[in-house]
Every structure is written in C-alpha cells, then in structure tokens.
N, C-alpha and C. Protein backbone atom coordinates (compact mmCIF):
# COMPACT_ATOMS: atom_id res chain seq x y z
N MET A 1 123.81 2.33 39.94
CA MET A 1 125.03 1.53 39.35
C MET A 1 124.69 1.17 37.90
N ARG A 2 125.66 1.40 37.02
CA ARG A 2 125.56 1.05 35.67
C ARG A 2 126.04 -0.40 35.27
N ILE A 3 125.18 -1.07 34.61
CA ILE A 3 125.48 -2.48 34.22
C ILE A 3 126.16 -2.29 32.88
N ARG A 4 127.37 -2.77 32.88
CA ARG A 4 128.14 -2.73 31.56
C ARG A 4 127.67 -3.78 30.63
N LYS A 5 127.29 -3.57 29.38
CA LYS A 5 126.89 -4.54 28.40
C LYS A 5 128.18 -5.03 27.63
N LEU A 6 128.66 -6.18 27.97
CA LEU A 6 129.79 -6.78 27.34
C LEU A 6 129.52 -7.79 26.28
N ARG A 7 130.27 -7.92 25.29
CA ARG A 7 130.15 -8.92 24.29
C ARG A 7 131.51 -9.62 24.06
N MET A 8 131.70 -10.80 24.03
CA MET A 8 132.95 -11.62 23.95
C MET A 8 132.84 -12.55 22.78
N GLY A 9 133.68 -12.39 21.81
CA GLY A 9 133.88 -13.48 20.78
C GLY A 9 135.00 -14.44 21.20
N TRP A 10 134.75 -15.78 20.94
CA TRP A 10 135.73 -16.81 21.33
C TRP A 10 135.88 -17.64 20.19
N ASP A 11 137.16 -17.56 19.60
CA ASP A 11 137.45 -18.54 18.56
C ASP A 11 138.26 -19.62 19.21
N VAL A 12 137.53 -20.83 19.34
CA VAL A 12 138.03 -22.01 20.02
C VAL A 12 139.21 -22.62 19.20
N GLY A 13 140.37 -22.76 19.78
CA GLY A 13 141.47 -23.47 19.13
C GLY A 13 141.05 -24.86 18.70
N GLY A 14 141.96 -25.39 17.94
CA GLY A 14 141.69 -26.80 17.49
C GLY A 14 141.93 -27.79 18.73
N TRP A 15 141.99 -29.09 18.55
CA TRP A 15 142.04 -30.04 19.61
C TRP A 15 143.05 -29.78 20.61
N HIS A 16 142.65 -29.55 21.88
CA HIS A 16 143.50 -29.30 22.98
C HIS A 16 143.99 -30.59 23.60
N CYS A 17 144.82 -31.20 22.95
CA CYS A 17 145.43 -32.51 23.43
C CYS A 17 146.83 -32.30 23.68
N ASP A 18 147.35 -33.32 24.42
CA ASP A 18 148.79 -33.36 24.75
C ASP A 18 149.76 -33.30 23.53
N ARG A 19 149.16 -33.88 22.38
CA ARG A 19 150.05 -33.86 21.14
C ARG A 19 150.01 -32.51 20.37
N ASN A 20 149.03 -31.75 20.67
CA ASN A 20 148.87 -30.58 19.86
C ASN A 20 149.13 -29.39 20.75
N LYS A 21 150.47 -29.03 20.81
CA LYS A 21 150.96 -27.89 21.80
C LYS A 21 150.73 -26.57 21.19
N THR A 22 150.36 -26.42 19.86
CA THR A 22 150.25 -25.16 19.20
C THR A 22 148.90 -24.68 19.23
N SER A 23 147.83 -25.40 19.59
CA SER A 23 146.49 -25.07 19.49
C SER A 23 146.32 -23.74 20.38
N ARG A 24 145.60 -22.67 19.86
CA ARG A 24 145.39 -21.51 20.68
C ARG A 24 143.98 -21.02 20.47
N ASP A 25 143.51 -20.48 21.47
CA ASP A 25 142.08 -19.86 21.48
C ASP A 25 142.40 -18.38 21.25
N ALA A 26 141.39 -17.58 20.76
CA ALA A 26 141.40 -16.11 20.68
C ALA A 26 140.12 -15.60 21.22
N LEU A 27 140.34 -14.57 22.09
CA LEU A 27 139.12 -13.81 22.59
C LEU A 27 139.23 -12.33 22.17
N VAL A 28 138.05 -11.76 21.93
CA VAL A 28 138.02 -10.35 21.80
C VAL A 28 136.79 -9.79 22.71
N LEU A 29 136.84 -8.67 23.39
CA LEU A 29 135.99 -8.27 24.31
C LEU A 29 135.54 -6.85 23.77
N LEU A 30 134.20 -6.66 23.62
CA LEU A 30 133.53 -5.28 23.23
C LEU A 30 132.61 -4.98 24.18
N GLU A 31 132.44 -3.77 24.21
CA GLU A 31 131.29 -3.09 25.18
C GLU A 31 130.32 -2.41 24.30
N ALA A 32 129.05 -2.61 24.60
CA ALA A 32 128.05 -1.98 23.89
C ALA A 32 127.58 -0.62 24.48
N LEU A 33 128.04 0.45 23.92
CA LEU A 33 127.66 1.79 24.39
C LEU A 33 126.75 2.58 23.50
N ASP A 34 125.47 2.81 23.83
CA ASP A 34 124.63 3.53 22.94
C ASP A 34 124.51 2.74 21.55
N GLU A 35 124.43 1.49 21.53
CA GLU A 35 124.26 0.66 20.28
C GLU A 35 125.47 0.65 19.45
N VAL A 36 126.57 1.20 20.00
CA VAL A 36 127.85 0.99 19.20
C VAL A 36 128.86 0.21 20.06
N LEU A 37 129.46 -0.79 19.35
CA LEU A 37 130.45 -1.64 20.02
C LEU A 37 131.81 -1.02 20.02
N GLN A 38 132.43 -0.95 21.32
CA GLN A 38 133.62 -0.24 21.42
C GLN A 38 134.59 -1.48 21.85
N PRO A 39 135.74 -1.58 21.24
CA PRO A 39 136.72 -2.69 21.64
C PRO A 39 137.32 -2.43 23.00
N LEU A 40 137.38 -3.38 23.82
CA LEU A 40 137.91 -3.33 25.19
C LEU A 40 139.34 -4.10 25.24
N GLY A 41 139.45 -5.10 24.64
CA GLY A 41 140.65 -5.93 24.61
C GLY A 41 140.58 -7.19 23.88
N LYS A 42 141.70 -7.82 23.63
CA LYS A 42 141.89 -9.11 23.03
C LYS A 42 142.88 -10.00 23.69
N TRP A 43 142.80 -11.23 23.43
CA TRP A 43 143.80 -12.10 24.02
C TRP A 43 144.00 -13.35 23.02
N ARG A 44 145.15 -13.94 23.03
CA ARG A 44 145.32 -15.07 22.19
C ARG A 44 146.29 -16.05 23.03
N GLY A 45 145.91 -17.30 23.18
CA GLY A 45 146.67 -18.29 24.04
C GLY A 45 145.68 -19.48 24.22
N SER A 46 146.11 -20.32 25.12
CA SER A 46 145.39 -21.55 25.40
C SER A 46 144.60 -21.46 26.71
N LEU A 47 143.32 -21.73 26.39
CA LEU A 47 142.38 -21.73 27.64
C LEU A 47 142.21 -22.91 28.32
N ARG A 48 143.08 -23.94 28.01
CA ARG A 48 142.93 -25.26 28.52
C ARG A 48 143.10 -25.19 29.98
N GLY A 49 144.03 -24.47 30.49
CA GLY A 49 144.25 -24.43 32.00
C GLY A 49 143.01 -23.89 32.72
N PRO A 50 142.55 -22.71 32.31
CA PRO A 50 141.34 -22.16 33.15
C PRO A 50 140.13 -22.93 32.89
N LEU A 51 140.00 -23.64 31.78
CA LEU A 51 138.75 -24.40 31.48
C LEU A 51 138.84 -25.77 32.34
N THR A 52 140.05 -26.25 32.69
CA THR A 52 139.94 -27.37 33.57
C THR A 52 140.13 -27.18 35.09
N LYS A 53 140.23 -25.96 35.50
CA LYS A 53 140.44 -25.53 36.84
C LYS A 53 139.32 -24.70 37.35
N LEU A 54 138.46 -24.04 36.48
CA LEU A 54 137.57 -23.02 36.79
C LEU A 54 136.11 -23.34 36.08
N ALA A 55 135.08 -22.91 36.75
CA ALA A 55 133.72 -22.98 36.17
C ALA A 55 132.94 -21.79 36.58
N GLY A 56 131.88 -21.50 35.91
CA GLY A 56 130.85 -20.43 36.24
C GLY A 56 131.55 -19.08 36.23
N VAL A 57 131.16 -18.25 37.32
CA VAL A 57 131.56 -16.99 37.38
C VAL A 57 133.17 -16.82 37.46
N PRO A 58 133.79 -17.57 38.32
CA PRO A 58 135.34 -17.48 38.23
C PRO A 58 135.99 -17.73 36.82
N LEU A 59 135.35 -18.61 36.01
CA LEU A 59 135.90 -18.74 34.69
C LEU A 59 135.55 -17.49 33.86
N ILE A 60 134.36 -17.00 33.93
CA ILE A 60 134.04 -15.81 33.14
C ILE A 60 135.02 -14.57 33.57
N CYS A 61 135.17 -14.44 34.93
CA CYS A 61 136.09 -13.33 35.37
C CYS A 61 137.42 -13.54 34.82
N GLU A 62 138.01 -14.76 34.82
CA GLU A 62 139.28 -15.10 34.14
C GLU A 62 139.31 -14.65 32.76
N MET A 63 138.38 -15.03 32.02
CA MET A 63 138.27 -14.78 30.56
C MET A 63 138.30 -13.18 30.35
N LEU A 64 137.50 -12.52 31.17
CA LEU A 64 137.62 -11.05 31.08
C LEU A 64 138.85 -10.42 31.50
N ALA A 65 139.52 -11.02 32.46
CA ALA A 65 140.82 -10.55 32.95
C ALA A 65 141.81 -10.76 31.82
N LEU A 66 141.87 -11.86 31.14
CA LEU A 66 142.72 -12.13 30.10
C LEU A 66 142.58 -10.93 28.97
N CYS A 67 141.50 -10.50 28.76
CA CYS A 67 141.23 -9.43 27.81
C CYS A 67 141.49 -8.06 28.46
N GLY A 68 141.95 -8.06 29.62
CA GLY A 68 142.35 -6.74 30.33
C GLY A 68 141.34 -6.04 31.11
N LEU A 69 140.20 -6.81 31.33
CA LEU A 69 139.04 -6.13 32.11
C LEU A 69 139.15 -6.86 33.52
N ARG A 70 139.48 -6.08 34.55
CA ARG A 70 139.41 -6.49 35.83
C ARG A 70 138.54 -5.70 36.76
N ASP A 71 138.11 -6.30 37.91
CA ASP A 71 137.38 -5.56 38.86
C ASP A 71 136.12 -4.91 38.25
N VAL A 72 135.35 -5.65 37.50
CA VAL A 72 134.15 -5.24 36.99
C VAL A 72 133.02 -5.89 37.84
N SER A 73 132.20 -4.86 38.50
CA SER A 73 131.30 -5.48 39.46
C SER A 73 129.89 -5.80 38.92
N SER A 74 129.56 -5.16 37.87
CA SER A 74 128.12 -5.38 37.34
C SER A 74 128.21 -5.45 35.90
N PHE A 75 127.83 -6.64 35.27
CA PHE A 75 127.91 -6.69 33.83
C PHE A 75 126.90 -7.67 33.19
N ASP A 76 126.61 -7.48 31.95
CA ASP A 76 125.62 -8.31 31.16
C ASP A 76 126.63 -8.69 30.10
N LEU A 77 126.98 -10.12 30.10
CA LEU A 77 127.87 -10.52 29.13
C LEU A 77 127.24 -11.67 28.12
N THR A 78 127.48 -11.45 26.93
CA THR A 78 126.97 -12.42 25.88
C THR A 78 128.36 -12.92 25.34
N ILE A 79 128.42 -14.28 25.21
CA ILE A 79 129.68 -14.92 24.70
C ILE A 79 129.11 -15.55 23.36
N ALA A 80 129.85 -15.39 22.20
CA ALA A 80 129.54 -15.99 21.05
C ALA A 80 130.82 -16.88 20.67
N ILE A 81 130.54 -18.16 20.49
CA ILE A 81 131.68 -19.17 20.35
C ILE A 81 131.66 -19.79 19.02
N ASP A 82 132.77 -19.66 18.44
CA ASP A 82 132.97 -20.34 17.15
C ASP A 82 133.76 -21.57 17.35
N THR A 83 133.02 -22.80 17.44
CA THR A 83 133.66 -23.98 17.96
C THR A 83 133.80 -25.04 16.81
N PRO A 84 134.87 -25.79 16.72
CA PRO A 84 134.77 -26.92 15.70
C PRO A 84 133.83 -28.02 16.29
N LEU A 85 132.76 -28.35 15.62
CA LEU A 85 131.96 -29.26 16.05
C LEU A 85 132.09 -30.63 15.37
N GLY A 86 133.08 -30.69 14.47
CA GLY A 86 133.40 -31.91 13.76
C GLY A 86 134.45 -31.61 12.68
N TRP A 87 134.80 -32.67 11.98
CA TRP A 87 135.75 -32.44 10.88
C TRP A 87 135.02 -31.79 9.72
N PRO A 88 135.69 -30.93 8.95
CA PRO A 88 134.96 -30.27 7.75
C PRO A 88 134.69 -31.38 6.72
C-alpha cells in the first residue's frame, strides 16, 4: 500500500465573527511525487462550520474533500498555516 505524501497550505481568513460575513479561508492541496509537488486541488470559502463541528481525523478528511480528494485510505499530511496572530 502506497502512502500518499500530501501537503496543504491554509490561508486563514480574517476574524470569523458574526459581523464579518465576507471572511474566507483558502486551501491548496499538493502531492509530493518523487520530490516534485503536484497540485491536487484548491478551495476558497469559510471553514467556520467544519471547525466548530469537527475535530481530528474527520476535520482533516473534510478539508481534503473540500479540495477534491475523497476516499484516501493512507496518507502523510503536512499542513502549513498562515494565520493572523495579531494586528499588524
């Protein structure tokens, strides 16, 4: 069984509060094949729903599905997060 080496970039949208309805996250999914990254999918929208309802593996699987990858049985995933940690 081949373990897929997946890499996900997550650009975290601004403040996900009830007043900010336009905040959107962005995901991009890549697969490392022989040291070359191949694009698998991307998504843009709000992760607020999945983040408040899911955790652990179900959350990861939902994020993969949003990028178009479903039914992956064995994978090694690295997630790089660009998150606002405070005001500039």
